[in-house]
Amino acid sequence: MLHYAVVFFVIALIAAVLGFGGIAASAAGIAKILFVIFLVLALGSMLLGLFRGR
């Protein structure tokens, strides 16, 4: 999941440099959403592992 967020971030950077504002904004939005999903899943996984270890 984090890999896809980084890929969309790189696409957004390349699109911004080349002047494609709409594509850059869309790719950046997707990257943000994927990063938040990754954080939620990672935190949930850590908490689940912490409680299962007891």
N, C-alpha and C. Protein backbone atom coordinates (compact mmCIF):
# COMPACT_ATOMS: atom_id res chain seq x y z
N MET A 1 0.83 -1.19 0.00
CA MET A 1 0.00 0.00 0.00
C MET A 1 0.87 1.25 0.00
N LEU A 2 1.90 1.24 0.83
CA LEU A 2 2.80 2.39 0.89
C LEU A 2 3.52 2.55 -0.44
N HIS A 3 3.83 1.45 -1.09
CA HIS A 3 4.49 1.51 -2.39
C HIS A 3 3.63 2.25 -3.40
N TYR A 4 2.34 1.97 -3.43
CA TYR A 4 1.45 2.64 -4.37
C TYR A 4 1.31 4.12 -4.05
N ALA A 5 1.32 4.47 -2.78
CA ALA A 5 1.26 5.88 -2.40
C ALA A 5 2.50 6.62 -2.91
N VAL A 6 3.66 5.99 -2.78
CA VAL A 6 4.89 6.61 -3.26
C VAL A 6 4.87 6.73 -4.79
N VAL A 7 4.36 5.71 -5.46
CA VAL A 7 4.27 5.75 -6.92
C VAL A 7 3.38 6.90 -7.38
N PHE A 8 2.23 7.06 -6.77
CA PHE A 8 1.34 8.16 -7.15
C PHE A 8 1.94 9.51 -6.80
N PHE A 9 2.72 9.58 -5.71
CA PHE A 9 3.39 10.82 -5.35
C PHE A 9 4.42 11.19 -6.42
N VAL A 10 5.18 10.22 -6.89
CA VAL A 10 6.17 10.47 -7.94
C VAL A 10 5.48 10.88 -9.23
N ILE A 11 4.37 10.25 -9.56
CA ILE A 11 3.60 10.63 -10.75
C ILE A 11 3.12 12.06 -10.61
N ALA A 12 2.67 12.43 -9.42
CA ALA A 12 2.21 13.81 -9.19
C ALA A 12 3.35 14.80 -9.36
N LEU A 13 4.53 14.46 -8.85
CA LEU A 13 5.67 15.36 -9.00
C LEU A 13 6.07 15.53 -10.46
N ILE A 14 6.11 14.44 -11.21
CA ILE A 14 6.47 14.51 -12.62
C ILE A 14 5.43 15.31 -13.40
N ALA A 15 4.17 15.07 -13.12
CA ALA A 15 3.10 15.80 -13.80
C ALA A 15 3.14 17.29 -13.46
N ALA A 16 3.48 17.62 -12.22
CA ALA A 16 3.56 19.03 -11.84
C ALA A 16 4.72 19.72 -12.55
N VAL A 17 5.85 19.03 -12.65
CA VAL A 17 7.00 19.62 -13.34
C VAL A 17 6.70 19.84 -14.82
N LEU A 18 5.97 18.92 -15.42
CA LEU A 18 5.64 19.04 -16.84
C LEU A 18 4.46 19.96 -17.11
N GLY A 19 3.80 20.43 -16.06
CA GLY A 19 2.74 21.41 -16.23
C GLY A 19 1.34 20.84 -16.33
N PHE A 20 1.16 19.59 -16.02
CA PHE A 20 -0.17 18.99 -16.06
C PHE A 20 -0.79 19.13 -14.66
N GLY A 21 -1.40 20.27 -14.40
CA GLY A 21 -1.92 20.57 -13.06
C GLY A 21 -3.03 19.66 -12.60
N GLY A 22 -3.97 19.34 -13.49
CA GLY A 22 -5.10 18.50 -13.11
C GLY A 22 -4.67 17.08 -12.78
N ILE A 23 -3.78 16.55 -13.59
CA ILE A 23 -3.28 15.19 -13.35
C ILE A 23 -2.46 15.16 -12.06
N ALA A 24 -1.67 16.20 -11.85
CA ALA A 24 -0.84 16.26 -10.64
C ALA A 24 -1.71 16.31 -9.39
N ALA A 25 -2.77 17.09 -9.44
CA ALA A 25 -3.66 17.20 -8.28
C ALA A 25 -4.38 15.88 -8.02
N SER A 26 -4.80 15.22 -9.08
CA SER A 26 -5.48 13.93 -8.91
C SER A 26 -4.54 12.88 -8.34
N ALA A 27 -3.32 12.80 -8.87
CA ALA A 27 -2.35 11.82 -8.38
C ALA A 27 -1.96 12.11 -6.94
N ALA A 28 -1.83 13.38 -6.60
CA ALA A 28 -1.49 13.74 -5.22
C ALA A 28 -2.63 13.37 -4.28
N GLY A 29 -3.85 13.58 -4.71
CA GLY A 29 -5.01 13.20 -3.89
C GLY A 29 -5.08 11.70 -3.66
N ILE A 30 -4.82 10.94 -4.70
CA ILE A 30 -4.82 9.47 -4.57
C ILE A 30 -3.70 9.04 -3.63
N ALA A 31 -2.52 9.67 -3.76
CA ALA A 31 -1.39 9.32 -2.90
C ALA A 31 -1.73 9.60 -1.43
N LYS A 32 -2.39 10.71 -1.17
CA LYS A 32 -2.77 11.05 0.20
C LYS A 32 -3.74 10.02 0.77
N ILE A 33 -4.72 9.65 -0.02
CA ILE A 33 -5.72 8.67 0.43
C ILE A 33 -5.06 7.33 0.72
N LEU A 34 -4.19 6.87 -0.18
CA LEU A 34 -3.52 5.59 0.02
C LEU A 34 -2.61 5.63 1.23
N PHE A 35 -1.96 6.76 1.47
CA PHE A 35 -1.08 6.88 2.63
C PHE A 35 -1.88 6.81 3.92
N VAL A 36 -3.03 7.46 3.96
CA VAL A 36 -3.87 7.42 5.16
C VAL A 36 -4.39 6.00 5.40
N ILE A 37 -4.78 5.32 4.34
CA ILE A 37 -5.24 3.93 4.48
C ILE A 37 -4.10 3.07 5.01
N PHE A 38 -2.88 3.29 4.47
CA PHE A 38 -1.72 2.55 4.96
C PHE A 38 -1.49 2.80 6.44
N LEU A 39 -1.56 4.05 6.87
CA LEU A 39 -1.35 4.36 8.29
C LEU A 39 -2.39 3.69 9.18
N VAL A 40 -3.64 3.72 8.76
CA VAL A 40 -4.71 3.10 9.55
C VAL A 40 -4.49 1.59 9.66
N LEU A 41 -4.16 0.95 8.54
CA LEU A 41 -3.93 -0.49 8.57
C LEU A 41 -2.69 -0.85 9.37
N ALA A 42 -1.64 -0.06 9.25
CA ALA A 42 -0.41 -0.34 10.01
C ALA A 42 -0.66 -0.18 11.51
N LEU A 43 -1.37 0.87 11.90
CA LEU A 43 -1.68 1.08 13.31
C LEU A 43 -2.57 -0.04 13.84
N GLY A 44 -3.57 -0.43 13.05
CA GLY A 44 -4.44 -1.53 13.46
C GLY A 44 -3.68 -2.83 13.60
N SER A 45 -2.76 -3.08 12.70
CA SER A 45 -1.95 -4.29 12.77
C SER A 45 -1.06 -4.29 14.00
N MET A 46 -0.47 -3.14 14.31
CA MET A 46 0.38 -3.05 15.51
C MET A 46 -0.43 -3.25 16.78
N LEU A 47 -1.59 -2.64 16.84
CA LEU A 47 -2.43 -2.79 18.02
C LEU A 47 -2.92 -4.22 18.18
N LEU A 48 -3.30 -4.83 17.08
CA LEU A 48 -3.75 -6.22 17.11
C LEU A 48 -2.61 -7.14 17.58
N GLY A 49 -1.42 -6.90 17.08
CA GLY A 49 -0.26 -7.70 17.49
C GLY A 49 0.08 -7.49 18.96
N LEU A 50 -0.11 -6.27 19.45
CA LEU A 50 0.17 -5.96 20.84
C LEU A 50 -0.80 -6.68 21.76
N PHE A 51 -2.09 -6.68 21.39
CA PHE A 51 -3.11 -7.31 22.23
C PHE A 51 -3.08 -8.83 22.11
N ARG A 52 -2.69 -9.34 20.95
CA ARG A 52 -2.62 -10.81 20.79
C ARG A 52 -1.41 -11.39 21.51
N GLY A 53 -0.38 -10.57 21.68
CA GLY A 53 0.83 -11.06 22.33
C GLY A 53 0.63 -11.33 23.81
N ARG A 54 -0.38 -10.77 24.39
CA ARG A 54 -0.62 -10.94 25.83
C ARG A 54 -1.26 -12.23 26.14
